[in-house]
Amino acid sequence: MKNKYFCPIFQREIDNGKCLDINFEIEKIKKPEEIILIKRILGFNESKIKCICMSCKNYPM
């Protein structure tokens, strides 16, 4: 099983757990902790994050 995935948001590989967290937050299954960090660090809004993730080959996990 692959433990890392290339993330188009961060433009690098991330752990599959972080990828799952982001996916679950997008689907409103989990409280938005990673999304808040992405907004703060990268300045993306939620619709941009969702658009980028939904175009990723690893979405949905």
PDB file of N, CA and C in Angstrom:
ATOM      1  N   MET A   1       0.834  -1.185   0.000  1.00  0.00           N
ATOM      2  CA  MET A   1       0.000   0.000   0.000  1.00  0.00           C
ATOM      3  C   MET A   1       0.880   1.250   0.000  1.00  0.00           C
ATOM      4  N   LYS A   2       0.533   2.184  -0.817  1.00  0.00           N
ATOM      5  CA  LYS A   2       1.291   3.427  -0.927  1.00  0.00           C
ATOM      6  C   LYS A   2       0.978   4.334   0.259  1.00  0.00           C
ATOM      7  N   ASN A   3       2.003   4.852   0.911  1.00  0.00           N
ATOM      8  CA  ASN A   3       1.811   5.667   2.103  1.00  0.00           C
ATOM      9  C   ASN A   3       1.778   7.158   1.823  1.00  0.00           C
ATOM     10  N   LYS A   4       2.168   7.567   0.625  1.00  0.00           N
ATOM     11  CA  LYS A   4       2.218   8.992   0.294  1.00  0.00           C
ATOM     12  C   LYS A   4       1.540   9.216  -1.056  1.00  0.00           C
ATOM     13  N   TYR A   5       0.962  10.394  -1.173  1.00  0.00           N
ATOM     14  CA  TYR A   5       0.317  10.797  -2.422  1.00  0.00           C
ATOM     15  C   TYR A   5       0.819  12.185  -2.802  1.00  0.00           C
ATOM     16  N   PHE A   6       0.933  12.419  -4.109  1.00  0.00           N
ATOM     17  CA  PHE A   6       1.266  13.767  -4.557  1.00  0.00           C
ATOM     18  C   PHE A   6       0.026  14.622  -4.376  1.00  0.00           C
ATOM     19  N   CYS A   7       0.191  15.739  -3.696  1.00  0.00           N
ATOM     20  CA  CYS A   7      -0.924  16.649  -3.436  1.00  0.00           C
ATOM     21  C   CYS A   7      -0.783  17.889  -4.316  1.00  0.00           C
ATOM     22  N   PRO A   8      -1.753  18.134  -5.205  1.00  0.00           N
ATOM     23  CA  PRO A   8      -1.669  19.314  -6.059  1.00  0.00           C
ATOM     24  C   PRO A   8      -1.828  20.631  -5.291  1.00  0.00           C
ATOM     25  N   ILE A   9      -2.358  20.583  -4.090  1.00  0.00           N
ATOM     26  CA  ILE A   9      -2.466  21.806  -3.284  1.00  0.00           C
ATOM     27  C   ILE A   9      -1.088  22.205  -2.773  1.00  0.00           C
ATOM     28  N   PHE A  10      -0.389  21.243  -2.170  1.00  0.00           N
ATOM     29  CA  PHE A  10       0.921  21.521  -1.579  1.00  0.00           C
ATOM     30  C   PHE A  10       2.067  21.378  -2.586  1.00  0.00           C
ATOM     31  N   GLN A  11       1.779  20.823  -3.760  1.00  0.00           N
ATOM     32  CA  GLN A  11       2.785  20.591  -4.813  1.00  0.00           C
ATOM     33  C   GLN A  11       3.943  19.719  -4.317  1.00  0.00           C
ATOM     34  N   ARG A  12       3.591  18.718  -3.503  1.00  0.00           N
ATOM     35  CA  ARG A  12       4.568  17.750  -2.999  1.00  0.00           C
ATOM     36  C   ARG A  12       3.814  16.532  -2.486  1.00  0.00           C
ATOM     37  N   GLU A  13       4.558  15.477  -2.140  1.00  0.00           N
ATOM     38  CA  GLU A  13       3.929  14.304  -1.562  1.00  0.00           C
ATOM     39  C   GLU A  13       3.530  14.578  -0.119  1.00  0.00           C
ATOM     40  N   ILE A  14       2.362  14.040   0.261  1.00  0.00           N
ATOM     41  CA  ILE A  14       1.903  14.130   1.643  1.00  0.00           C
ATOM     42  C   ILE A  14       1.483  12.734   2.083  1.00  0.00           C
ATOM     43  N   ASP A  15       1.418  12.526   3.390  1.00  0.00           N
ATOM     44  CA  ASP A  15       0.967  11.245   3.923  1.00  0.00           C
ATOM     45  C   ASP A  15      -0.478  10.990   3.529  1.00  0.00           C
ATOM     46  N   ASN A  16      -0.803   9.714   3.336  1.00  0.00           N
ATOM     47  CA  ASN A  16      -2.172   9.395   2.942  1.00  0.00           C
ATOM     48  C   ASN A  16      -3.177   9.809   4.011  1.00  0.00           C
ATOM     49  N   GLY A  17      -2.772   9.831   5.284  1.00  0.00           N
ATOM     50  CA  GLY A  17      -3.663  10.281   6.351  1.00  0.00           C
ATOM     51  C   GLY A  17      -4.066  11.738   6.196  1.00  0.00           C
ATOM     52  N   LYS A  18      -3.107  12.575   5.820  1.00  0.00           N
ATOM     53  CA  LYS A  18      -3.399  14.006   5.606  1.00  0.00           C
ATOM     54  C   LYS A  18      -4.317  14.162   4.390  1.00  0.00           C
ATOM     55  N   CYS A  19      -4.054  13.379   3.365  1.00  0.00           N
ATOM     56  CA  CYS A  19      -4.893  13.395   2.165  1.00  0.00           C
ATOM     57  C   CYS A  19      -6.326  12.983   2.527  1.00  0.00           C
ATOM     58  N   LEU A  20      -6.469  11.925   3.318  1.00  0.00           N
ATOM     59  CA  LEU A  20      -7.791  11.492   3.766  1.00  0.00           C
ATOM     60  C   LEU A  20      -8.494  12.573   4.574  1.00  0.00           C
ATOM     61  N   ASP A  21      -7.751  13.197   5.492  1.00  0.00           N
ATOM     62  CA  ASP A  21      -8.340  14.264   6.300  1.00  0.00           C
ATOM     63  C   ASP A  21      -8.898  15.381   5.424  1.00  0.00           C
ATOM     64  N   ILE A  22      -8.114  15.804   4.448  1.00  0.00           N
ATOM     65  CA  ILE A  22      -8.553  16.880   3.553  1.00  0.00           C
ATOM     66  C   ILE A  22      -9.801  16.451   2.784  1.00  0.00           C
ATOM     67  N   ASN A  23      -9.788  15.213   2.269  1.00  0.00           N
ATOM     68  CA  ASN A  23     -10.951  14.704   1.533  1.00  0.00           C
ATOM     69  C   ASN A  23     -12.190  14.640   2.421  1.00  0.00           C
ATOM     70  N   PHE A  24     -12.040  14.148   3.640  1.00  0.00           N
ATOM     71  CA  PHE A  24     -13.171  14.051   4.563  1.00  0.00           C
ATOM     72  C   PHE A  24     -13.690  15.433   4.939  1.00  0.00           C
ATOM     73  N   GLU A  25     -12.800  16.383   5.074  1.00  0.00           N
ATOM     74  CA  GLU A  25     -13.217  17.749   5.399  1.00  0.00           C
ATOM     75  C   GLU A  25     -13.980  18.376   4.232  1.00  0.00           C
ATOM     76  N   ILE A  26     -13.539  18.117   3.025  1.00  0.00           N
ATOM     77  CA  ILE A  26     -14.247  18.620   1.838  1.00  0.00           C
ATOM     78  C   ILE A  26     -15.659  18.048   1.778  1.00  0.00           C
ATOM     79  N   GLU A  27     -15.793  16.770   2.123  1.00  0.00           N
ATOM     80  CA  GLU A  27     -17.095  16.100   2.089  1.00  0.00           C
ATOM     81  C   GLU A  27     -17.925  16.353   3.348  1.00  0.00           C
ATOM     82  N   LYS A  28     -17.412  17.204   4.249  1.00  0.00           N
ATOM     83  CA  LYS A  28     -18.107  17.567   5.491  1.00  0.00           C
ATOM     84  C   LYS A  28     -18.304  16.371   6.425  1.00  0.00           C
ATOM     85  N   ILE A  29     -17.410  15.367   6.322  1.00  0.00           N
ATOM     86  CA  ILE A  29     -17.446  14.204   7.196  1.00  0.00           C
ATOM     87  C   ILE A  29     -16.644  14.480   8.462  1.00  0.00           C
ATOM     88  N   LYS A  30     -15.705  15.381   8.357  1.00  0.00           N
ATOM     89  CA  LYS A  30     -14.791  15.702   9.446  1.00  0.00           C
ATOM     90  C   LYS A  30     -14.731  17.213   9.623  1.00  0.00           C
ATOM     91  N   LYS A  31     -14.465  17.634  10.848  1.00  0.00           N
ATOM     92  CA  LYS A  31     -14.314  19.060  11.161  1.00  0.00           C
ATOM     93  C   LYS A  31     -13.145  19.649  10.367  1.00  0.00           C
ATOM     94  N   PRO A  32     -13.281  20.831   9.780  1.00  0.00           N
ATOM     95  CA  PRO A  32     -12.256  21.394   8.886  1.00  0.00           C
ATOM     96  C   PRO A  32     -11.007  21.948   9.592  1.00  0.00           C
ATOM     97  N   GLU A  33     -10.082  21.082   9.926  1.00  0.00           N
ATOM     98  CA  GLU A  33      -8.819  21.522  10.522  1.00  0.00           C
ATOM     99  C   GLU A  33      -7.750  21.740   9.457  1.00  0.00           C
ATOM    100  N   GLU A  34      -7.584  20.777   8.569  1.00  0.00           N
ATOM    101  CA  GLU A  34      -6.585  20.899   7.499  1.00  0.00           C
ATOM    102  C   GLU A  34      -6.953  22.028   6.543  1.00  0.00           C
ATOM    103  N   ILE A  35      -8.236  22.146   6.231  1.00  0.00           N
ATOM    104  CA  ILE A  35      -8.697  23.192   5.316  1.00  0.00           C
ATOM    105  C   ILE A  35      -8.403  24.573   5.896  1.00  0.00           C
ATOM    106  N   ILE A  36      -8.589  24.726   7.201  1.00  0.00           N
ATOM    107  CA  ILE A  36      -8.284  25.999   7.855  1.00  0.00           C
ATOM    108  C   ILE A  36      -6.799  26.320   7.717  1.00  0.00           C
ATOM    109  N   LEU A  37      -5.944  25.312   7.898  1.00  0.00           N
ATOM    110  CA  LEU A  37      -4.499  25.522   7.746  1.00  0.00           C
ATOM    111  C   LEU A  37      -4.133  25.892   6.307  1.00  0.00           C
ATOM    112  N   ILE A  38      -4.741  25.208   5.350  1.00  0.00           N
ATOM    113  CA  ILE A  38      -4.470  25.507   3.936  1.00  0.00           C
ATOM    114  C   ILE A  38      -4.877  26.940   3.614  1.00  0.00           C
ATOM    115  N   LYS A  39      -6.033  27.347   4.114  1.00  0.00           N
ATOM    116  CA  LYS A  39      -6.490  28.725   3.893  1.00  0.00           C
ATOM    117  C   LYS A  39      -5.496  29.718   4.481  1.00  0.00           C
ATOM    118  N   ARG A  40      -5.047  29.440   5.695  1.00  0.00           N
ATOM    119  CA  ARG A  40      -4.150  30.355   6.396  1.00  0.00           C
ATOM    120  C   ARG A  40      -2.768  30.393   5.732  1.00  0.00           C
ATOM    121  N   ILE A  41      -2.210  29.232   5.405  1.00  0.00           N
ATOM    122  CA  ILE A  41      -0.840  29.152   4.881  1.00  0.00           C
ATOM    123  C   ILE A  41      -0.767  29.552   3.409  1.00  0.00           C
ATOM    124  N   LEU A  42      -1.681  29.019   2.607  1.00  0.00           N
ATOM    125  CA  LEU A  42      -1.600  29.233   1.158  1.00  0.00           C
ATOM    126  C   LEU A  42      -2.541  30.324   0.643  1.00  0.00           C
ATOM    127  N   GLY A  43      -3.481  30.744   1.471  1.00  0.00           N
ATOM    128  CA  GLY A  43      -4.389  31.809   1.061  1.00  0.00           C
ATOM    129  C   GLY A  43      -5.486  31.354   0.096  1.00  0.00           C
ATOM    130  N   PHE A  44      -5.730  30.060   0.016  1.00  0.00           N
ATOM    131  CA  PHE A  44      -6.778  29.548  -0.864  1.00  0.00           C
ATOM    132  C   PHE A  44      -8.119  29.635  -0.152  1.00  0.00           C
ATOM    133  N   ASN A  45      -9.183  29.865  -0.918  1.00  0.00           N
ATOM    134  CA  ASN A  45     -10.516  29.789  -0.327  1.00  0.00           C
ATOM    135  C   ASN A  45     -11.031  28.358  -0.468  1.00  0.00           C
ATOM    136  N   GLU A  46     -12.128  28.066   0.209  1.00  0.00           N
ATOM    137  CA  GLU A  46     -12.628  26.693   0.246  1.00  0.00           C
ATOM    138  C   GLU A  46     -13.028  26.172  -1.132  1.00  0.00           C
ATOM    139  N   SER A  47     -13.584  27.004  -1.964  1.00  0.00           N
ATOM    140  CA  SER A  47     -13.991  26.541  -3.299  1.00  0.00           C
ATOM    141  C   SER A  47     -12.770  26.186  -4.150  1.00  0.00           C
ATOM    142  N   LYS A  48     -11.680  26.937  -4.012  1.00  0.00           N
ATOM    143  CA  LYS A  48     -10.459  26.613  -4.753  1.00  0.00           C
ATOM    144  C   LYS A  48      -9.871  25.298  -4.251  1.00  0.00           C
ATOM    145  N   ILE A  49      -9.866  25.099  -2.935  1.00  0.00           N
ATOM    146  CA  ILE A  49      -9.353  23.855  -2.357  1.00  0.00           C
ATOM    147  C   ILE A  49     -10.165  22.674  -2.877  1.00  0.00           C
ATOM    148  N   LYS A  50     -11.484  22.807  -2.852  1.00  0.00           N
ATOM    149  CA  LYS A  50     -12.364  21.735  -3.321  1.00  0.00           C
ATOM    150  C   LYS A  50     -12.132  21.445  -4.800  1.00  0.00           C
ATOM    151  N   CYS A  51     -12.008  22.477  -5.602  1.00  0.00           N
ATOM    152  CA  CYS A  51     -11.780  22.316  -7.035  1.00  0.00           C
ATOM    153  C   CYS A  51     -10.461  21.584  -7.308  1.00  0.00           C
ATOM    154  N   ILE A  52      -9.407  21.979  -6.619  1.00  0.00           N
ATOM    155  CA  ILE A  52      -8.100  21.338  -6.796  1.00  0.00           C
ATOM    156  C   ILE A  52      -8.172  19.875  -6.368  1.00  0.00           C
ATOM    157  N   CYS A  53      -8.772  19.619  -5.211  1.00  0.00           N
ATOM    158  CA  CYS A  53      -8.852  18.242  -4.713  1.00  0.00           C
ATOM    159  C   CYS A  53      -9.708  17.355  -5.615  1.00  0.00           C
ATOM    160  N   MET A  54     -10.816  17.886  -6.080  1.00  0.00           N
ATOM    161  CA  MET A  54     -11.702  17.079  -6.919  1.00  0.00           C
ATOM    162  C   MET A  54     -11.075  16.746  -8.269  1.00  0.00           C
ATOM    163  N   SER A  55     -10.103  17.528  -8.700  1.00  0.00           N
ATOM    164  CA  SER A  55      -9.426  17.230  -9.958  1.00  0.00           C
ATOM    165  C   SER A  55      -8.239  16.281  -9.760  1.00  0.00           C
ATOM    166  N   CYS A  56      -7.904  15.979  -8.507  1.00  0.00           N
ATOM    167  CA  CYS A  56      -6.780  15.088  -8.188  1.00  0.00           C
ATOM    168  C   CYS A  56      -7.153  13.639  -8.476  1.00  0.00           C
ATOM    169  N   LYS A  57      -6.200  12.874  -8.975  1.00  0.00           N
ATOM    170  CA  LYS A  57      -6.465  11.459  -9.278  1.00  0.00           C
ATOM    171  C   LYS A  57      -6.713  10.633  -8.021  1.00  0.00           C
ATOM    172  N   ASN A  58      -6.323  11.134  -6.842  1.00  0.00           N
ATOM    173  CA  ASN A  58      -6.542  10.406  -5.593  1.00  0.00           C
ATOM    174  C   ASN A  58      -7.873  10.750  -4.917  1.00  0.00           C
ATOM    175  N   TYR A  59      -8.681  11.592  -5.530  1.00  0.00           N
ATOM    176  CA  TYR A  59      -9.966  11.985  -4.947  1.00  0.00           C
ATOM    177  C   TYR A  59     -11.095  11.158  -5.548  1.00  0.00           C
ATOM    178  N   PRO A  60     -12.044  10.673  -4.833  1.00  0.00           N
ATOM    179  CA  PRO A  60     -12.044  10.570  -3.376  1.00  0.00           C
ATOM    180  C   PRO A  60     -11.229   9.373  -2.946  1.00  0.00           C
ATOM    181  N   MET A  61     -10.697   9.457  -1.756  1.00  0.00           N
ATOM    182  CA  MET A  61      -9.848   8.384  -1.225  1.00  0.00           C
ATOM    183  C   MET A  61     -10.617   7.124  -1.034  1.00  0.00           C
TER     184      MET A  61
END
